Every structure is written in structure tokens, then in C-alpha cells.
Amino acid sequence: MTGGIIEINIIDDTSRRDCDIDCGTDWSSREAVILANRQIKSRFGVETCFEYIDLSRTTPDHRTVQWSQAIKERNLSIPLLLINGQLRIAGQFDARQIIDAVEVEMELRT
């Protein structure tokens, strides 16, 4: 692949809920993250790096503080899907949508 590894981040905040009842994938679930990572690796191999970040359980650093502020200032729904640091989806999404977003990123690189 041209351009190196694609970085996939899910930014969530389990102290806040935008939806009251069963609204899609629960990214705070370890099983959901493991399954999505497995599907991503199966589809793209080692060309991706996948990480789940829960803002309410992560020691604040520059990046997490920036995203916390962006969520508040722009009234973004969570979770967020970032591909190479760029916001791709704000709100509920599933592994299939992550794969679609990575495919688009790969097409843009070629």
C-alpha cells in the first residue's frame, strides 16, 4: 500500500450518552473492539493500526484534550471515528462502516 499504515481511532466518552436505548455497537465493550480489530486486520492486514480511546477513562494528553474540546464546541455526537487523525463519522457506526471509511482512505492515497 502506498503511504504507510492507516491509523484508525474510535474516540468515545462513556460518561456521556447521546442515545438512551441500544443504539448500535457498544465500543466500550472489549469484545466489540476485539471483533472490529479482527475484521479490520482480516480485511487490510498489517496496514492498519486500530485504537479505542475512552475520554472519561484516559489520562488527558494534548490529543484527547483537543477532541474533548471539539466535541463540546461543535456539539458532536459520540463515538467519533478518526482515520489518520481526520474525523470521518460522528455518532453511531459499526465495523462495516469503519471498513468502508478505510477503503475510501486507501483509494484517496492511490
N, C-alpha and C. Protein backbone atom coordinates (compact mmCIF):
# COMPACT_ATOMS: atom_id res chain seq x y z
N MET A 1 0.84 -1.18 0.00
CA MET A 1 0.00 0.00 0.00
C MET A 1 0.88 1.24 0.00
N THR A 2 0.50 2.22 -0.73
CA THR A 2 1.23 3.47 -0.78
C THR A 2 0.85 4.34 0.41
N GLY A 3 1.84 4.95 1.06
CA GLY A 3 1.54 5.90 2.11
C GLY A 3 1.63 5.36 3.53
N GLY A 4 1.95 4.10 3.73
CA GLY A 4 2.15 3.58 5.07
C GLY A 4 0.88 3.12 5.75
N ILE A 5 0.99 2.99 7.06
CA ILE A 5 -0.08 2.44 7.88
C ILE A 5 -1.23 3.44 8.02
N ILE A 6 -2.45 2.92 7.98
CA ILE A 6 -3.64 3.73 8.23
C ILE A 6 -4.00 3.61 9.70
N GLU A 7 -4.11 4.75 10.36
CA GLU A 7 -4.43 4.79 11.78
C GLU A 7 -5.93 5.00 11.96
N ILE A 8 -6.55 4.08 12.69
CA ILE A 8 -7.98 4.12 12.95
C ILE A 8 -8.19 4.32 14.44
N ASN A 9 -8.92 5.38 14.81
CA ASN A 9 -9.19 5.65 16.22
C ASN A 9 -10.69 5.81 16.43
N ILE A 10 -11.17 5.21 17.49
CA ILE A 10 -12.53 5.46 17.94
C ILE A 10 -12.40 6.24 19.23
N ILE A 11 -12.98 7.43 19.26
CA ILE A 11 -12.96 8.26 20.45
C ILE A 11 -14.37 8.27 21.03
N ASP A 12 -14.46 7.87 22.28
CA ASP A 12 -15.74 7.73 22.95
C ASP A 12 -15.65 8.42 24.31
N ASP A 13 -16.77 8.59 24.94
CA ASP A 13 -16.81 9.13 26.29
C ASP A 13 -17.96 8.43 27.00
N THR A 14 -17.62 7.39 27.77
CA THR A 14 -18.65 6.57 28.39
C THR A 14 -19.35 7.29 29.54
N SER A 15 -18.86 8.48 29.94
CA SER A 15 -19.56 9.25 30.97
C SER A 15 -20.75 9.99 30.37
N ARG A 16 -20.84 9.97 29.06
CA ARG A 16 -21.90 10.69 28.35
C ARG A 16 -22.56 9.73 27.36
N ARG A 17 -23.85 9.83 27.21
CA ARG A 17 -24.58 9.01 26.25
C ARG A 17 -25.47 9.90 25.40
N ASP A 18 -25.35 9.75 24.08
CA ASP A 18 -26.18 10.51 23.16
C ASP A 18 -27.45 9.76 22.81
N CYS A 19 -27.53 8.53 23.25
CA CYS A 19 -28.66 7.67 22.91
C CYS A 19 -29.05 6.89 24.16
N ASP A 20 -30.35 6.76 24.39
CA ASP A 20 -30.81 6.13 25.63
C ASP A 20 -30.92 4.61 25.55
N ILE A 21 -31.29 4.08 24.40
CA ILE A 21 -31.57 2.65 24.31
C ILE A 21 -30.83 2.05 23.13
N ASP A 22 -30.14 0.93 23.34
CA ASP A 22 -29.48 0.11 22.32
C ASP A 22 -29.32 0.81 20.97
N CYS A 23 -28.29 1.60 20.86
CA CYS A 23 -28.12 2.44 19.67
C CYS A 23 -26.95 2.01 18.81
N GLY A 24 -26.74 0.77 18.65
CA GLY A 24 -25.65 0.31 17.81
C GLY A 24 -24.52 -0.31 18.62
N THR A 25 -23.36 -0.35 18.02
CA THR A 25 -22.21 -1.00 18.62
C THR A 25 -21.78 -0.28 19.90
N ASP A 26 -21.60 -1.05 20.95
CA ASP A 26 -21.10 -0.51 22.22
C ASP A 26 -19.58 -0.61 22.18
N TRP A 27 -18.92 0.46 21.76
CA TRP A 27 -17.47 0.44 21.60
C TRP A 27 -16.74 0.37 22.93
N SER A 28 -17.44 0.62 24.04
CA SER A 28 -16.79 0.48 25.34
C SER A 28 -16.65 -0.99 25.72
N SER A 29 -17.31 -1.86 24.99
CA SER A 29 -17.21 -3.30 25.21
C SER A 29 -15.91 -3.82 24.62
N ARG A 30 -15.12 -4.47 25.44
CA ARG A 30 -13.84 -5.04 24.98
C ARG A 30 -14.05 -5.99 23.81
N GLU A 31 -15.14 -6.77 23.88
CA GLU A 31 -15.44 -7.74 22.82
C GLU A 31 -15.70 -7.06 21.48
N ALA A 32 -16.41 -5.93 21.49
CA ALA A 32 -16.70 -5.20 20.25
C ALA A 32 -15.41 -4.68 19.62
N VAL A 33 -14.51 -4.17 20.45
CA VAL A 33 -13.23 -3.65 19.95
C VAL A 33 -12.38 -4.78 19.37
N ILE A 34 -12.32 -5.90 20.08
CA ILE A 34 -11.54 -7.05 19.61
C ILE A 34 -12.09 -7.57 18.28
N LEU A 35 -13.42 -7.70 18.18
CA LEU A 35 -14.04 -8.19 16.95
C LEU A 35 -13.78 -7.23 15.79
N ALA A 36 -13.95 -5.93 16.01
CA ALA A 36 -13.71 -4.95 14.95
C ALA A 36 -12.25 -4.98 14.51
N ASN A 37 -11.33 -5.06 15.47
CA ASN A 37 -9.91 -5.12 15.14
C ASN A 37 -9.61 -6.36 14.31
N ARG A 38 -10.21 -7.47 14.69
CA ARG A 38 -10.02 -8.71 13.94
C ARG A 38 -10.54 -8.57 12.50
N GLN A 39 -11.72 -7.97 12.34
CA GLN A 39 -12.29 -7.77 11.00
C GLN A 39 -11.43 -6.83 10.16
N ILE A 40 -10.93 -5.78 10.78
CA ILE A 40 -10.08 -4.81 10.08
C ILE A 40 -8.77 -5.47 9.66
N LYS A 41 -8.14 -6.20 10.58
CA LYS A 41 -6.88 -6.89 10.25
C LYS A 41 -7.09 -7.93 9.16
N SER A 42 -8.22 -8.63 9.23
CA SER A 42 -8.53 -9.65 8.22
C SER A 42 -8.68 -9.02 6.84
N ARG A 43 -9.29 -7.86 6.79
CA ARG A 43 -9.53 -7.19 5.51
C ARG A 43 -8.29 -6.48 4.98
N PHE A 44 -7.53 -5.82 5.89
CA PHE A 44 -6.43 -4.96 5.45
C PHE A 44 -5.05 -5.42 5.89
N GLY A 45 -4.98 -6.42 6.74
CA GLY A 45 -3.68 -6.92 7.20
C GLY A 45 -3.00 -5.93 8.13
N VAL A 46 -1.71 -5.89 8.08
CA VAL A 46 -0.92 -5.07 8.99
C VAL A 46 -0.85 -3.61 8.54
N GLU A 47 -1.64 -3.25 7.54
CA GLU A 47 -1.62 -1.88 7.02
C GLU A 47 -2.40 -0.92 7.90
N THR A 48 -2.98 -1.41 9.00
CA THR A 48 -3.79 -0.56 9.86
C THR A 48 -3.34 -0.66 11.32
N CYS A 49 -3.63 0.39 12.06
CA CYS A 49 -3.42 0.43 13.50
C CYS A 49 -4.74 0.90 14.09
N PHE A 50 -5.35 0.09 14.96
CA PHE A 50 -6.68 0.35 15.49
C PHE A 50 -6.60 0.61 16.98
N GLU A 51 -7.27 1.70 17.45
CA GLU A 51 -7.23 2.03 18.87
C GLU A 51 -8.57 2.61 19.30
N TYR A 52 -9.05 2.17 20.47
CA TYR A 52 -10.24 2.72 21.10
C TYR A 52 -9.80 3.60 22.26
N ILE A 53 -10.34 4.81 22.33
CA ILE A 53 -9.99 5.75 23.39
C ILE A 53 -11.27 6.21 24.07
N ASP A 54 -11.36 5.99 25.37
CA ASP A 54 -12.49 6.46 26.16
C ASP A 54 -12.01 7.70 26.91
N LEU A 55 -12.52 8.85 26.53
CA LEU A 55 -12.07 10.11 27.11
C LEU A 55 -12.28 10.17 28.62
N SER A 56 -13.29 9.47 29.12
CA SER A 56 -13.56 9.52 30.56
C SER A 56 -12.64 8.59 31.35
N ARG A 57 -11.89 7.72 30.67
CA ARG A 57 -11.02 6.77 31.36
C ARG A 57 -9.56 6.88 30.94
N THR A 58 -9.24 7.91 30.20
CA THR A 58 -7.89 8.08 29.68
C THR A 58 -7.24 9.27 30.36
N THR A 59 -5.99 9.13 30.69
CA THR A 59 -5.24 10.25 31.22
C THR A 59 -5.16 11.31 30.13
N PRO A 60 -5.63 12.52 30.41
CA PRO A 60 -5.64 13.57 29.39
C PRO A 60 -4.24 13.85 28.83
N ASP A 61 -4.17 13.95 27.53
CA ASP A 61 -2.97 14.41 26.85
C ASP A 61 -3.43 15.44 25.81
N HIS A 62 -2.50 15.98 25.06
CA HIS A 62 -2.83 17.04 24.11
C HIS A 62 -3.95 16.61 23.15
N ARG A 63 -3.83 15.43 22.58
CA ARG A 63 -4.80 14.95 21.60
C ARG A 63 -6.18 14.76 22.22
N THR A 64 -6.26 14.11 23.39
CA THR A 64 -7.57 13.86 23.99
C THR A 64 -8.23 15.15 24.46
N VAL A 65 -7.43 16.11 24.95
CA VAL A 65 -7.98 17.40 25.34
C VAL A 65 -8.55 18.12 24.13
N GLN A 66 -7.85 18.07 23.01
CA GLN A 66 -8.34 18.71 21.77
C GLN A 66 -9.66 18.10 21.33
N TRP A 67 -9.76 16.77 21.36
CA TRP A 67 -11.01 16.13 20.93
C TRP A 67 -12.13 16.38 21.92
N SER A 68 -11.85 16.42 23.20
CA SER A 68 -12.87 16.76 24.20
C SER A 68 -13.44 18.15 23.93
N GLN A 69 -12.56 19.09 23.65
CA GLN A 69 -13.00 20.45 23.35
C GLN A 69 -13.79 20.50 22.04
N ALA A 70 -13.33 19.79 21.03
CA ALA A 70 -14.04 19.78 19.74
C ALA A 70 -15.44 19.20 19.89
N ILE A 71 -15.57 18.15 20.67
CA ILE A 71 -16.88 17.53 20.90
C ILE A 71 -17.83 18.55 21.53
N LYS A 72 -17.35 19.27 22.53
CA LYS A 72 -18.19 20.28 23.20
C LYS A 72 -18.48 21.47 22.29
N GLU A 73 -17.45 22.02 21.68
CA GLU A 73 -17.61 23.23 20.86
C GLU A 73 -18.47 22.99 19.61
N ARG A 74 -18.30 21.83 18.99
CA ARG A 74 -19.03 21.55 17.75
C ARG A 74 -20.27 20.70 18.00
N ASN A 75 -20.54 20.40 19.28
CA ASN A 75 -21.70 19.59 19.67
C ASN A 75 -21.74 18.28 18.87
N LEU A 76 -20.61 17.59 18.82
CA LEU A 76 -20.50 16.35 18.07
C LEU A 76 -21.12 15.19 18.83
N SER A 77 -21.80 14.33 18.11
CA SER A 77 -22.28 13.08 18.70
C SER A 77 -21.10 12.13 18.84
N ILE A 78 -21.16 11.30 19.86
CA ILE A 78 -20.10 10.31 20.05
C ILE A 78 -20.67 8.92 19.81
N PRO A 79 -19.88 7.95 19.50
CA PRO A 79 -18.42 7.99 19.37
C PRO A 79 -18.00 8.67 18.06
N LEU A 80 -16.70 8.95 17.98
CA LEU A 80 -16.12 9.52 16.77
C LEU A 80 -15.24 8.47 16.11
N LEU A 81 -15.26 8.45 14.78
CA LEU A 81 -14.34 7.61 14.01
C LEU A 81 -13.34 8.53 13.33
N LEU A 82 -12.07 8.32 13.66
CA LEU A 82 -10.99 9.09 13.03
C LEU A 82 -10.18 8.15 12.16
N ILE A 83 -9.87 8.61 10.97
CA ILE A 83 -8.95 7.89 10.08
C ILE A 83 -7.77 8.82 9.86
N ASN A 84 -6.60 8.39 10.26
CA ASN A 84 -5.38 9.20 10.18
C ASN A 84 -5.59 10.59 10.78
N GLY A 85 -6.27 10.63 11.93
CA GLY A 85 -6.46 11.88 12.65
C GLY A 85 -7.58 12.76 12.15
N GLN A 86 -8.24 12.36 11.05
CA GLN A 86 -9.32 13.16 10.48
C GLN A 86 -10.68 12.56 10.85
N LEU A 87 -11.59 13.40 11.29
CA LEU A 87 -12.92 12.95 11.65
C LEU A 87 -13.66 12.45 10.41
N ARG A 88 -14.14 11.22 10.48
CA ARG A 88 -14.89 10.63 9.36
C ARG A 88 -16.35 10.40 9.72
N ILE A 89 -16.63 9.98 10.96
CA ILE A 89 -18.01 9.77 11.39
C ILE A 89 -18.15 10.26 12.83
N ALA A 90 -19.22 11.03 13.09
CA ALA A 90 -19.58 11.43 14.45
C ALA A 90 -20.95 10.83 14.72
N GLY A 91 -21.02 9.98 15.71
CA GLY A 91 -22.27 9.28 16.01
C GLY A 91 -22.09 7.79 15.80
N GLN A 92 -23.17 7.07 15.91
CA GLN A 92 -23.11 5.60 15.86
C GLN A 92 -22.62 5.08 14.51
N PHE A 93 -21.77 4.06 14.58
CA PHE A 93 -21.27 3.37 13.39
C PHE A 93 -20.89 1.96 13.81
N ASP A 94 -20.68 1.11 12.81
CA ASP A 94 -20.30 -0.28 13.09
C ASP A 94 -19.02 -0.62 12.33
N ALA A 95 -18.56 -1.84 12.48
CA ALA A 95 -17.30 -2.27 11.86
C ALA A 95 -17.35 -2.16 10.34
N ARG A 96 -18.50 -2.44 9.74
CA ARG A 96 -18.62 -2.34 8.29
C ARG A 96 -18.36 -0.91 7.82
N GLN A 97 -18.88 0.06 8.56
CA GLN A 97 -18.66 1.46 8.20
C GLN A 97 -17.20 1.87 8.39
N ILE A 98 -16.53 1.30 9.38
CA ILE A 98 -15.10 1.55 9.56
C ILE A 98 -14.35 1.04 8.33
N ILE A 99 -14.66 -0.18 7.92
CA ILE A 99 -14.00 -0.78 6.75
C ILE A 99 -14.25 0.06 5.51
N ASP A 100 -15.49 0.53 5.32
CA ASP A 100 -15.80 1.40 4.17
C ASP A 100 -14.96 2.67 4.21
N ALA A 101 -14.83 3.28 5.39
CA ALA A 101 -14.05 4.51 5.53
C ALA A 101 -12.57 4.28 5.23
N VAL A 102 -12.04 3.14 5.67
CA VAL A 102 -10.64 2.81 5.39
C VAL A 102 -10.44 2.57 3.89
N GLU A 103 -11.38 1.91 3.25
CA GLU A 103 -11.28 1.70 1.80
C GLU A 103 -11.25 3.02 1.05
N VAL A 104 -12.08 3.97 1.45
CA VAL A 104 -12.07 5.30 0.83
C VAL A 104 -10.71 5.97 1.04
N GLU A 105 -10.19 5.88 2.25
CA GLU A 105 -8.88 6.46 2.55
C GLU A 105 -7.80 5.85 1.65
N MET A 106 -7.86 4.54 1.47
CA MET A 106 -6.86 3.87 0.64
C MET A 106 -7.00 4.30 -0.82
N GLU A 107 -8.23 4.47 -1.29
CA GLU A 107 -8.44 4.94 -2.67
C GLU A 107 -7.91 6.35 -2.87
N LEU A 108 -8.08 7.20 -1.87
CA LEU A 108 -7.60 8.57 -1.96
C LEU A 108 -6.08 8.64 -2.01
N ARG A 109 -5.43 7.67 -1.43
CA ARG A 109 -3.96 7.64 -1.40
C ARG A 109 -3.34 7.19 -2.71
N THR A 110 -4.10 6.49 -3.52
CA THR A 110 -3.51 5.97 -4.77
C THR A 110 -3.63 6.93 -5.91
